[in-house]
Amino acid sequence: AKPSRPRLLAAVEPGCMGDRSAGMALRAGHFLVYGVKAPIAQMDFSS
């Protein structure tokens, strides 16, 4: 058969929830890592 196109077969209900305060910081525009804030807009994501 022809290889299938990329897709997901199911949606997962997460088993572990993260840190809500870090998540709220992301919504406000910055990463919060062990008390240090880093603006998302200024983050260089290159390896």
ModelCIF file with pLDDT and N, C-alpha, C, O atoms, coordinates in Angstrom:
data_MODEL
#
_entry.id   MODEL 
#
_entity.id                         1 
_entity.type                       polymer 
_entity.pdbx_number_of_molecules   1 
#
_entity_poly.entity_id                      1 
_entity_poly.type                           'polypeptide(L)' 
_entity_poly.nstd_linkage                   no 
_entity_poly.nstd_monomer                   no 
_entity_poly.pdbx_seq_one_letter_code       AKPSRPRLLAAVEPGCMGDRSAGMALRAGHFLVYGVKAPIAQMDFSS 
_entity_poly.pdbx_seq_one_letter_code_can   AKPSRPRLLAAVEPGCMGDRSAGMALRAGHFLVYGVKAPIAQMDFSS 
_entity_poly.pdbx_strand_id                 A 
#
loop_
_entity_poly_seq.entity_id 
_entity_poly_seq.num 
_entity_poly_seq.mon_id 
_entity_poly_seq.hetero 
1 1  ALA n 
1 2  LYS n 
1 3  PRO n 
1 4  SER n 
1 5  ARG n 
1 6  PRO n 
1 7  ARG n 
1 8  LEU n 
1 9  LEU n 
1 10 ALA n 
1 11 ALA n 
1 12 VAL n 
1 13 GLU n 
1 14 PRO n 
1 15 GLY n 
1 16 CYS n 
1 17 MET n 
1 18 GLY n 
1 19 ASP n 
1 20 ARG n 
1 21 SER n 
1 22 ALA n 
1 23 GLY n 
1 24 MET n 
1 25 ALA n 
1 26 LEU n 
1 27 ARG n 
1 28 ALA n 
1 29 GLY n 
1 30 HIS n 
1 31 PHE n 
1 32 LEU n 
1 33 VAL n 
1 34 TYR n 
1 35 GLY n 
1 36 VAL n 
1 37 LYS n 
1 38 ALA n 
1 39 PRO n 
1 40 ILE n 
1 41 ALA n 
1 42 GLN n 
1 43 MET n 
1 44 ASP n 
1 45 PHE n 
1 46 SER n 
1 47 SER n 
#
_struct_asym.id          A 
_struct_asym.entity_id   1 
#
loop_
_ma_qa_metric.id 
_ma_qa_metric.mode 
_ma_qa_metric.name 
_ma_qa_metric.software_group_id 
_ma_qa_metric.type 
1 global pLDDT . pLDDT 
2 local  pLDDT . pLDDT 
#
_ma_qa_metric_global.metric_id      1 
_ma_qa_metric_global.metric_value   91.06 
_ma_qa_metric_global.model_id       1 
_ma_qa_metric_global.ordinal_id     1 
#
loop_
_ma_qa_metric_local.label_asym_id 
_ma_qa_metric_local.label_comp_id 
_ma_qa_metric_local.label_seq_id 
_ma_qa_metric_local.metric_id 
_ma_qa_metric_local.metric_value 
_ma_qa_metric_local.model_id 
_ma_qa_metric_local.ordinal_id 
A ALA 1  2 61.00 1 1  
A LYS 2  2 67.00 1 2  
A PRO 3  2 70.00 1 3  
A SER 4  2 73.00 1 4  
A ARG 5  2 83.00 1 5  
A PRO 6  2 86.00 1 6  
A ARG 7  2 91.00 1 7  
A LEU 8  2 94.00 1 8  
A LEU 9  2 93.00 1 9  
A ALA 10 2 95.00 1 10 
A ALA 11 2 95.00 1 11 
A VAL 12 2 96.00 1 12 
A GLU 13 2 94.00 1 13 
A PRO 14 2 93.00 1 14 
A GLY 15 2 89.00 1 15 
A CYS 16 2 91.00 1 16 
A MET 17 2 88.00 1 17 
A GLY 18 2 93.00 1 18 
A ASP 19 2 94.00 1 19 
A ARG 20 2 94.00 1 20 
A SER 21 2 94.00 1 21 
A ALA 22 2 95.00 1 22 
A GLY 23 2 96.00 1 23 
A MET 24 2 96.00 1 24 
A ALA 25 2 96.00 1 25 
A LEU 26 2 97.00 1 26 
A ARG 27 2 96.00 1 27 
A ALA 28 2 96.00 1 28 
A GLY 29 2 95.00 1 29 
A HIS 30 2 95.00 1 30 
A PHE 31 2 96.00 1 31 
A LEU 32 2 95.00 1 32 
A VAL 33 2 94.00 1 33 
A TYR 34 2 93.00 1 34 
A GLY 35 2 89.00 1 35 
A VAL 36 2 93.00 1 36 
A LYS 37 2 94.00 1 37 
A ALA 38 2 95.00 1 38 
A PRO 39 2 96.00 1 39 
A ILE 40 2 96.00 1 40 
A ALA 41 2 93.00 1 41 
A GLN 42 2 93.00 1 42 
A MET 43 2 94.00 1 43 
A ASP 44 2 92.00 1 44 
A PHE 45 2 93.00 1 45 
A SER 46 2 91.00 1 46 
A SER 47 2 87.00 1 47 
#
loop_
_atom_site.group_PDB 
_atom_site.id 
_atom_site.type_symbol 
_atom_site.label_atom_id 
_atom_site.label_alt_id 
_atom_site.label_comp_id 
_atom_site.label_asym_id 
_atom_site.label_entity_id 
_atom_site.label_seq_id 
_atom_site.pdbx_PDB_ins_code 
_atom_site.Cartn_x 
_atom_site.Cartn_y 
_atom_site.Cartn_z 
_atom_site.occupancy 
_atom_site.B_iso_or_equiv 
_atom_site.pdbx_formal_charge 
_atom_site.auth_seq_id 
_atom_site.auth_comp_id 
_atom_site.auth_asym_id 
_atom_site.auth_atom_id 
_atom_site.pdbx_PDB_model_num 
ATOM 1   N N  . ALA A 1 1  ? 0.835  -1.202 0.000  1.00 61.00 ? 1  ALA A N  1 
ATOM 2   C CA . ALA A 1 1  ? 0.000  0.000  0.000  1.00 61.00 ? 1  ALA A CA 1 
ATOM 3   C C  . ALA A 1 1  ? 0.869  1.250  0.000  1.00 61.00 ? 1  ALA A C  1 
ATOM 4   O O  . ALA A 1 1  ? 2.039  1.219  0.382  1.00 61.00 ? 1  ALA A O  1 
ATOM 5   N N  . LYS A 1 2  ? 0.275  2.334  -0.431 1.00 67.00 ? 2  LYS A N  1 
ATOM 6   C CA . LYS A 1 2  ? 0.957  3.616  -0.419 1.00 67.00 ? 2  LYS A CA 1 
ATOM 7   C C  . LYS A 1 2  ? 1.088  4.112  1.022  1.00 67.00 ? 2  LYS A C  1 
ATOM 8   O O  . LYS A 1 2  ? 0.138  4.003  1.798  1.00 67.00 ? 2  LYS A O  1 
ATOM 9   N N  . PRO A 1 3  ? 2.281  4.667  1.399  1.00 70.00 ? 3  PRO A N  1 
ATOM 10  C CA . PRO A 1 3  ? 2.445  5.156  2.766  1.00 70.00 ? 3  PRO A CA 1 
ATOM 11  C C  . PRO A 1 3  ? 1.378  6.195  3.123  1.00 70.00 ? 3  PRO A C  1 
ATOM 12  O O  . PRO A 1 3  ? 1.002  7.021  2.291  1.00 70.00 ? 3  PRO A O  1 
ATOM 13  N N  . SER A 1 4  ? 0.907  6.144  4.341  1.00 73.00 ? 4  SER A N  1 
ATOM 14  C CA . SER A 1 4  ? -0.134 7.064  4.798  1.00 73.00 ? 4  SER A CA 1 
ATOM 15  C C  . SER A 1 4  ? 0.444  8.461  4.988  1.00 73.00 ? 4  SER A C  1 
ATOM 16  O O  . SER A 1 4  ? 1.626  8.630  5.285  1.00 73.00 ? 4  SER A O  1 
ATOM 17  N N  . ARG A 1 5  ? -0.413 9.447  4.810  1.00 83.00 ? 5  ARG A N  1 
ATOM 18  C CA . ARG A 1 5  ? 0.019  10.827 5.069  1.00 83.00 ? 5  ARG A CA 1 
ATOM 19  C C  . ARG A 1 5  ? 0.118  11.048 6.580  1.00 83.00 ? 5  ARG A C  1 
ATOM 20  O O  . ARG A 1 5  ? -0.569 10.371 7.345  1.00 83.00 ? 5  ARG A O  1 
ATOM 21  N N  . PRO A 1 6  ? 0.961  11.983 7.015  1.00 86.00 ? 6  PRO A N  1 
ATOM 22  C CA . PRO A 1 6  ? 1.102  12.235 8.459  1.00 86.00 ? 6  PRO A CA 1 
ATOM 23  C C  . PRO A 1 6  ? -0.216 12.689 9.089  1.00 86.00 ? 6  PRO A C  1 
ATOM 24  O O  . PRO A 1 6  ? -0.870 13.602 8.585  1.00 86.00 ? 6  PRO A O  1 
ATOM 25  N N  . ARG A 1 7  ? -0.589 12.064 10.164 1.00 91.00 ? 7  ARG A N  1 
ATOM 26  C CA . ARG A 1 7  ? -1.761 12.447 10.937 1.00 91.00 ? 7  ARG A CA 1 
ATOM 27  C C  . ARG A 1 7  ? -1.680 11.768 12.293 1.00 91.00 ? 7  ARG A C  1 
ATOM 28  O O  . ARG A 1 7  ? -0.886 10.850 12.496 1.00 91.00 ? 7  ARG A O  1 
ATOM 29  N N  . LEU A 1 8  ? -2.507 12.227 13.212 1.00 94.00 ? 8  LEU A N  1 
ATOM 30  C CA . LEU A 1 8  ? -2.578 11.621 14.540 1.00 94.00 ? 8  LEU A CA 1 
ATOM 31  C C  . LEU A 1 8  ? -3.832 10.772 14.635 1.00 94.00 ? 8  LEU A C  1 
ATOM 32  O O  . LEU A 1 8  ? -4.897 11.172 14.165 1.00 94.00 ? 8  LEU A O  1 
ATOM 33  N N  . LEU A 1 9  ? -3.707 9.614  15.234 1.00 93.00 ? 9  LEU A N  1 
ATOM 34  C CA . LEU A 1 9  ? -4.809 8.664  15.297 1.00 93.00 ? 9  LEU A CA 1 
ATOM 35  C C  . LEU A 1 9  ? -5.730 8.895  16.491 1.00 93.00 ? 9  LEU A C  1 
ATOM 36  O O  . LEU A 1 9  ? -6.831 8.346  16.529 1.00 93.00 ? 9  LEU A O  1 
ATOM 37  N N  . ALA A 1 10 ? -5.306 9.690  17.460 1.00 95.00 ? 10 ALA A N  1 
ATOM 38  C CA . ALA A 1 10 ? -6.134 9.933  18.641 1.00 95.00 ? 10 ALA A CA 1 
ATOM 39  C C  . ALA A 1 10 ? -5.636 11.172 19.360 1.00 95.00 ? 10 ALA A C  1 
ATOM 40  O O  . ALA A 1 10 ? -4.478 11.566 19.218 1.00 95.00 ? 10 ALA A O  1 
ATOM 41  N N  . ALA A 1 11 ? -6.519 11.778 20.130 1.00 95.00 ? 11 ALA A N  1 
ATOM 42  C CA . ALA A 1 11 ? -6.153 12.898 21.007 1.00 95.00 ? 11 ALA A CA 1 
ATOM 43  C C  . ALA A 1 11 ? -5.925 12.347 22.408 1.00 95.00 ? 11 ALA A C  1 
ATOM 44  O O  . ALA A 1 11 ? -6.700 11.522 22.890 1.00 95.00 ? 11 ALA A O  1 
ATOM 45  N N  . VAL A 1 12 ? -4.857 12.805 23.062 1.00 96.00 ? 12 VAL A N  1 
ATOM 46  C CA . VAL A 1 12 ? -4.442 12.276 24.359 1.00 96.00 ? 12 VAL A CA 1 
ATOM 47  C C  . VAL A 1 12 ? -4.934 13.189 25.479 1.00 96.00 ? 12 VAL A C  1 
ATOM 48  O O  . VAL A 1 12 ? -4.850 14.413 25.379 1.00 96.00 ? 12 VAL A O  1 
ATOM 49  N N  . GLU A 1 13 ? -5.438 12.587 26.526 1.00 94.00 ? 13 GLU A N  1 
ATOM 50  C CA . GLU A 1 13 ? -5.759 13.330 27.750 1.00 94.00 ? 13 GLU A CA 1 
ATOM 51  C C  . GLU A 1 13 ? -4.506 13.302 28.612 1.00 94.00 ? 13 GLU A C  1 
ATOM 52  O O  . GLU A 1 13 ? -4.138 12.234 29.101 1.00 94.00 ? 13 GLU A O  1 
ATOM 53  N N  . PRO A 1 14 ? -3.817 14.461 28.824 1.00 93.00 ? 14 PRO A N  1 
ATOM 54  C CA . PRO A 1 14 ? -2.517 14.452 29.517 1.00 93.00 ? 14 PRO A CA 1 
ATOM 55  C C  . PRO A 1 14 ? -2.583 13.770 30.879 1.00 93.00 ? 14 PRO A C  1 
ATOM 56  O O  . PRO A 1 14 ? -3.535 13.951 31.638 1.00 93.00 ? 14 PRO A O  1 
ATOM 57  N N  . GLY A 1 15 ? -1.546 12.981 31.172 1.00 89.00 ? 15 GLY A N  1 
ATOM 58  C CA . GLY A 1 15 ? -1.494 12.312 32.468 1.00 89.00 ? 15 GLY A CA 1 
ATOM 59  C C  . GLY A 1 15 ? -0.981 13.204 33.564 1.00 89.00 ? 15 GLY A C  1 
ATOM 60  O O  . GLY A 1 15 ? -1.478 13.151 34.689 1.00 89.00 ? 15 GLY A O  1 
ATOM 61  N N  . CYS A 1 16 ? 0.016  14.035 33.258 1.00 91.00 ? 16 CYS A N  1 
ATOM 62  C CA . CYS A 1 16 ? 0.632  14.923 34.254 1.00 91.00 ? 16 CYS A CA 1 
ATOM 63  C C  . CYS A 1 16 ? 0.390  16.369 33.853 1.00 91.00 ? 16 CYS A C  1 
ATOM 64  O O  . CYS A 1 16 ? 0.599  16.749 32.700 1.00 91.00 ? 16 CYS A O  1 
ATOM 65  N N  . MET A 1 17 ? -0.046 17.158 34.799 1.00 88.00 ? 17 MET A N  1 
ATOM 66  C CA . MET A 1 17 ? -0.218 18.589 34.563 1.00 88.00 ? 17 MET A CA 1 
ATOM 67  C C  . MET A 1 17 ? 1.019  19.335 35.039 1.00 88.00 ? 17 MET A C  1 
ATOM 68  O O  . MET A 1 17 ? 1.713  18.893 35.954 1.00 88.00 ? 17 MET A O  1 
ATOM 69  N N  . GLY A 1 18 ? 1.283  20.467 34.409 1.00 93.00 ? 18 GLY A N  1 
ATOM 70  C CA . GLY A 1 18 ? 2.477  21.236 34.726 1.00 93.00 ? 18 GLY A CA 1 
ATOM 71  C C  . GLY A 1 18 ? 2.250  22.270 35.804 1.00 93.00 ? 18 GLY A C  1 
ATOM 72  O O  . GLY A 1 18 ? 1.297  22.192 36.580 1.00 93.00 ? 18 GLY A O  1 
ATOM 73  N N  . ASP A 1 19 ? 3.147  23.242 35.835 1.00 94.00 ? 19 ASP A N  1 
ATOM 74  C CA . ASP A 1 19 ? 3.133  24.316 36.827 1.00 94.00 ? 19 ASP A CA 1 
ATOM 75  C C  . ASP A 1 19 ? 2.268  25.459 36.300 1.00 94.00 ? 19 ASP A C  1 
ATOM 76  O O  . ASP A 1 19 ? 2.607  26.087 35.297 1.00 94.00 ? 19 ASP A O  1 
ATOM 77  N N  . ARG A 1 20 ? 1.161  25.724 36.971 1.00 94.00 ? 20 ARG A N  1 
ATOM 78  C CA . ARG A 1 20 ? 0.234  26.752 36.486 1.00 94.00 ? 20 ARG A CA 1 
ATOM 79  C C  . ARG A 1 20 ? 0.871  28.140 36.484 1.00 94.00 ? 20 ARG A C  1 
ATOM 80  O O  . ARG A 1 20 ? 0.605  28.937 35.584 1.00 94.00 ? 20 ARG A O  1 
ATOM 81  N N  . SER A 1 21 ? 1.706  28.441 37.478 1.00 94.00 ? 21 SER A N  1 
ATOM 82  C CA . SER A 1 21 ? 2.329  29.768 37.522 1.00 94.00 ? 21 SER A CA 1 
ATOM 83  C C  . SER A 1 21 ? 3.244  29.978 36.322 1.00 94.00 ? 21 SER A C  1 
ATOM 84  O O  . SER A 1 21 ? 3.293  31.075 35.766 1.00 94.00 ? 21 SER A O  1 
ATOM 85  N N  . ALA A 1 22 ? 3.972  28.933 35.915 1.00 95.00 ? 22 ALA A N  1 
ATOM 86  C CA . ALA A 1 22 ? 4.822  29.039 34.718 1.00 95.00 ? 22 ALA A CA 1 
ATOM 87  C C  . ALA A 1 22 ? 3.958  29.186 33.476 1.00 95.00 ? 22 ALA A C  1 
ATOM 88  O O  . ALA A 1 22 ? 4.322  29.904 32.545 1.00 95.00 ? 22 ALA A O  1 
ATOM 89  N N  . GLY A 1 23 ? 2.811  28.505 33.455 1.00 96.00 ? 23 GLY A N  1 
ATOM 90  C CA . GLY A 1 23 ? 1.898  28.636 32.328 1.00 96.00 ? 23 GLY A CA 1 
ATOM 91  C C  . GLY A 1 23 ? 1.294  30.024 32.221 1.00 96.00 ? 23 GLY A C  1 
ATOM 92  O O  . GLY A 1 23 ? 1.159  30.561 31.122 1.00 96.00 ? 23 GLY A O  1 
ATOM 93  N N  . MET A 1 24 ? 0.930  30.608 33.353 1.00 96.00 ? 24 MET A N  1 
ATOM 94  C CA . MET A 1 24 ? 0.394  31.969 33.341 1.00 96.00 ? 24 MET A CA 1 
ATOM 95  C C  . MET A 1 24 ? 1.454  32.964 32.879 1.00 96.00 ? 24 MET A C  1 
ATOM 96  O O  . MET A 1 24 ? 1.144  33.949 32.209 1.00 96.00 ? 24 MET A O  1 
ATOM 97  N N  . ALA A 1 25 ? 2.705  32.698 33.242 1.00 96.00 ? 25 ALA A N  1 
ATOM 98  C CA . ALA A 1 25 ? 3.793  33.564 32.774 1.00 96.00 ? 25 ALA A CA 1 
ATOM 99  C C  . ALA A 1 25 ? 3.917  33.488 31.253 1.00 96.00 ? 25 ALA A C  1 
ATOM 100 O O  . ALA A 1 25 ? 4.160  34.506 30.605 1.00 96.00 ? 25 ALA A O  1 
ATOM 101 N N  . LEU A 1 26 ? 3.755  32.301 30.680 1.00 97.00 ? 26 LEU A N  1 
ATOM 102 C CA . LEU A 1 26 ? 3.786  32.161 29.223 1.00 97.00 ? 26 LEU A CA 1 
ATOM 103 C C  . LEU A 1 26 ? 2.665  32.966 28.579 1.00 97.00 ? 26 LEU A C  1 
ATOM 104 O O  . LEU A 1 26 ? 2.877  33.637 27.568 1.00 97.00 ? 26 LEU A O  1 
ATOM 105 N N  . ARG A 1 27 ? 1.487  32.900 29.156 1.00 96.00 ? 27 ARG A N  1 
ATOM 106 C CA . ARG A 1 27 ? 0.373  33.678 28.607 1.00 96.00 ? 27 ARG A CA 1 
ATOM 107 C C  . ARG A 1 27 ? 0.637  35.179 28.692 1.00 96.00 ? 27 ARG A C  1 
ATOM 108 O O  . ARG A 1 27 ? 0.134  35.959 27.884 1.00 96.00 ? 27 ARG A O  1 
ATOM 109 N N  . ALA A 1 28 ? 1.442  35.570 29.694 1.00 96.00 ? 28 ALA A N  1 
ATOM 110 C CA . ALA A 1 28 ? 1.800  36.983 29.851 1.00 96.00 ? 28 ALA A CA 1 
ATOM 111 C C  . ALA A 1 28 ? 2.987  37.389 28.986 1.00 96.00 ? 28 ALA A C  1 
ATOM 112 O O  . ALA A 1 28 ? 3.343  38.567 28.935 1.00 96.00 ? 28 ALA A O  1 
ATOM 113 N N  . GLY A 1 29 ? 3.618  36.395 28.286 1.00 95.00 ? 29 GLY A N  1 
ATOM 114 C CA . GLY A 1 29 ? 4.655  36.748 27.317 1.00 95.00 ? 29 GLY A CA 1 
ATOM 115 C C  . GLY A 1 29 ? 6.069  36.399 27.695 1.00 95.00 ? 29 GLY A C  1 
ATOM 116 O O  . GLY A 1 29 ? 7.004  36.884 27.058 1.00 95.00 ? 29 GLY A O  1 
ATOM 117 N N  . HIS A 1 30 ? 6.269  35.563 28.722 1.00 95.00 ? 30 HIS A N  1 
ATOM 118 C CA . HIS A 1 30 ? 7.649  35.201 29.040 1.00 95.00 ? 30 HIS A CA 1 
ATOM 119 C C  . HIS A 1 30 ? 7.727  33.815 29.665 1.00 95.00 ? 30 HIS A C  1 
ATOM 120 O O  . HIS A 1 30 ? 6.777  33.338 30.287 1.00 95.00 ? 30 HIS A O  1 
ATOM 121 N N  . PHE A 1 31 ? 8.880  33.183 29.485 1.00 96.00 ? 31 PHE A N  1 
ATOM 122 C CA . PHE A 1 31 ? 9.167  31.918 30.154 1.00 96.00 ? 31 PHE A CA 1 
ATOM 123 C C  . PHE A 1 31 ? 9.531  32.211 31.607 1.00 96.00 ? 31 PHE A C  1 
ATOM 124 O O  . PHE A 1 31 ? 10.167 33.222 31.903 1.00 96.00 ? 31 PHE A O  1 
ATOM 125 N N  . LEU A 1 32 ? 9.128  31.330 32.502 1.00 95.00 ? 32 LEU A N  1 
ATOM 126 C CA . LEU A 1 32 ? 9.484  31.438 33.915 1.00 95.00 ? 32 LEU A CA 1 
ATOM 127 C C  . LEU A 1 32 ? 10.143 30.132 34.318 1.00 95.00 ? 32 LEU A C  1 
ATOM 128 O O  . LEU A 1 32 ? 9.482  29.099 34.427 1.00 95.00 ? 32 LEU A O  1 
ATOM 129 N N  . VAL A 1 33 ? 11.453 30.184 34.538 1.00 94.00 ? 33 VAL A N  1 
ATOM 130 C CA . VAL A 1 33 ? 12.235 28.986 34.841 1.00 94.00 ? 33 VAL A CA 1 
ATOM 131 C C  . VAL A 1 33 ? 12.975 29.200 36.151 1.00 94.00 ? 33 VAL A C  1 
ATOM 132 O O  . VAL A 1 33 ? 13.920 29.987 36.217 1.00 94.00 ? 33 VAL A O  1 
ATOM 133 N N  . TYR A 1 34 ? 12.546 28.501 37.191 1.00 93.00 ? 34 TYR A N  1 
ATOM 134 C CA . TYR A 1 34 ? 13.158 28.610 38.518 1.00 93.00 ? 34 TYR A CA 1 
ATOM 135 C C  . TYR A 1 34 ? 13.335 30.069 38.948 1.00 93.00 ? 34 TYR A C  1 
ATOM 136 O O  . TYR A 1 34 ? 14.390 30.466 39.443 1.00 93.00 ? 34 TYR A O  1 
ATOM 137 N N  . GLY A 1 35 ? 12.290 30.840 38.745 1.00 89.00 ? 35 GLY A N  1 
ATOM 138 C CA . GLY A 1 35 ? 12.272 32.216 39.212 1.00 89.00 ? 35 GLY A CA 1 
ATOM 139 C C  . GLY A 1 35 ? 12.832 33.237 38.247 1.00 89.00 ? 35 GLY A C  1 
ATOM 140 O O  . GLY A 1 35 ? 12.759 34.435 38.522 1.00 89.00 ? 35 GLY A O  1 
ATOM 141 N N  . VAL A 1 36 ? 13.390 32.806 37.120 1.00 93.00 ? 36 VAL A N  1 
ATOM 142 C CA . VAL A 1 36 ? 13.977 33.724 36.138 1.00 93.00 ? 36 VAL A CA 1 
ATOM 143 C C  . VAL A 1 36 ? 13.010 33.891 34.964 1.00 93.00 ? 36 VAL A C  1 
ATOM 144 O O  . VAL A 1 36 ? 12.544 32.905 34.393 1.00 93.00 ? 36 VAL A O  1 
ATOM 145 N N  . LYS A 1 37 ? 12.712 35.136 34.610 1.00 94.00 ? 37 LYS A N  1 
ATOM 146 C CA . LYS A 1 37 ? 11.821 35.425 33.493 1.00 94.00 ? 37 LYS A CA 1 
ATOM 147 C C  . LYS A 1 37 ? 12.632 35.730 32.227 1.00 94.00 ? 37 LYS A C  1 
ATOM 148 O O  . LYS A 1 37 ? 13.630 36.449 32.272 1.00 94.00 ? 37 LYS A O  1 
ATOM 149 N N  . ALA A 1 38 ? 12.182 35.170 31.103 1.00 95.00 ? 38 ALA A N  1 
ATOM 150 C CA . ALA A 1 38 ? 12.820 35.419 29.810 1.00 95.00 ? 38 ALA A CA 1 
ATOM 151 C C  . ALA A 1 38 ? 11.725 35.702 28.789 1.00 95.00 ? 38 ALA A C  1 
ATOM 152 O O  . ALA A 1 38 ? 10.913 34.818 28.514 1.00 95.00 ? 38 ALA A O  1 
ATOM 153 N N  . PRO A 1 39 ? 11.674 36.911 28.214 1.00 96.00 ? 39 PRO A N  1 
ATOM 154 C CA . PRO A 1 39 ? 10.614 37.243 27.249 1.00 96.00 ? 39 PRO A CA 1 
ATOM 155 C C  . PRO A 1 39 ? 10.620 36.305 26.041 1.00 96.00 ? 39 PRO A C  1 
ATOM 156 O O  . PRO A 1 39 ? 11.672 36.021 25.469 1.00 96.00 ? 39 PRO A O  1 
ATOM 157 N N  . ILE A 1 40 ? 9.450  35.836 25.669 1.00 96.00 ? 40 ILE A N  1 
ATOM 158 C CA . ILE A 1 40 ? 9.337  34.948 24.503 1.00 96.00 ? 40 ILE A CA 1 
ATOM 159 C C  . ILE A 1 40 ? 9.805  35.659 23.244 1.00 96.00 ? 40 ILE A C  1 
ATOM 160 O O  . ILE A 1 40 ? 10.471 35.059 22.401 1.00 96.00 ? 40 ILE A O  1 
ATOM 161 N N  . ALA A 1 41 ? 9.464  36.926 23.114 1.00 93.00 ? 41 ALA A N  1 
ATOM 162 C CA . ALA A 1 41 ? 9.791  37.673 21.898 1.00 93.00 ? 41 ALA A CA 1 
ATOM 163 C C  . ALA A 1 41 ? 11.298 37.834 21.708 1.00 93.00 ? 41 ALA A C  1 
ATOM 164 O O  . ALA A 1 41 ? 11.762 38.021 20.584 1.00 93.00 ? 41 ALA A O  1 
ATOM 165 N N  . GLN A 1 42 ? 12.066 37.762 22.800 1.00 93.00 ? 42 GLN A N  1 
ATOM 166 C CA . GLN A 1 42 ? 13.507 37.947 22.710 1.00 93.00 ? 42 GLN A CA 1 
ATOM 167 C C  . GLN A 1 42 ? 14.280 36.628 22.737 1.00 93.00 ? 42 GLN A C  1 
ATOM 168 O O  . GLN A 1 42 ? 15.510 36.629 22.691 1.00 93.00 ? 42 GLN A O  1 
ATOM 169 N N  . MET A 1 43 ? 13.581 35.531 22.810 1.00 94.00 ? 43 MET A N  1 
ATOM 170 C CA . MET A 1 43 ? 14.244 34.236 22.913 1.00 94.00 ? 43 MET A CA 1 
ATOM 171 C C  . MET A 1 43 ? 14.736 33.770 21.538 1.00 94.00 ? 43 MET A C  1 
ATOM 172 O O  . MET A 1 43 ? 13.991 33.784 20.558 1.00 94.00 ? 43 MET A O  1 
ATOM 173 N N  . ASP A 1 44 ? 16.001 33.361 21.490 1.00 92.00 ? 44 ASP A N  1 
ATOM 174 C CA . ASP A 1 44 ? 16.577 32.766 20.287 1.00 92.00 ? 44 ASP A CA 1 
ATOM 175 C C  . ASP A 1 44 ? 16.449 31.250 20.421 1.00 92.00 ? 44 ASP A C  1 
ATOM 176 O O  . ASP A 1 44 ? 17.087 30.648 21.285 1.00 92.00 ? 44 ASP A O  1 
ATOM 177 N N  . PHE A 1 45 ? 15.633 30.632 19.575 1.00 93.00 ? 45 PHE A N  1 
ATOM 178 C CA . PHE A 1 45 ? 15.333 29.214 19.691 1.00 93.00 ? 45 PHE A CA 1 
ATOM 179 C C  . PHE A 1 45 ? 16.306 28.320 18.937 1.00 93.00 ? 45 PHE A C  1 
ATOM 180 O O  . PHE A 1 45 ? 16.135 27.101 18.940 1.00 93.00 ? 45 PHE A O  1 
ATOM 181 N N  . SER A 1 46 ? 17.310 28.878 18.298 1.00 91.00 ? 46 SER A N  1 
ATOM 182 C CA . SER A 1 46 ? 18.229 28.046 17.520 1.00 91.00 ? 46 SER A CA 1 
ATOM 183 C C  . SER A 1 46 ? 19.084 27.193 18.451 1.00 91.00 ? 46 SER A C  1 
ATOM 184 O O  . SER A 1 46 ? 19.380 27.586 19.579 1.00 91.00 ? 46 SER A O  1 
ATOM 185 N N  . SER A 1 47 ? 19.471 26.029 17.963 1.00 87.00 ? 47 SER A N  1 
ATOM 186 C CA . SER A 1 47 ? 20.212 25.075 18.778 1.00 87.00 ? 47 SER A CA 1 
ATOM 187 C C  . SER A 1 47 ? 21.641 25.522 19.056 1.00 87.00 ? 47 SER A C  1 
ATOM 188 O O  . SER A 1 47 ? 22.389 24.817 19.733 1.00 87.00 ? 47 SER A O  1 
#
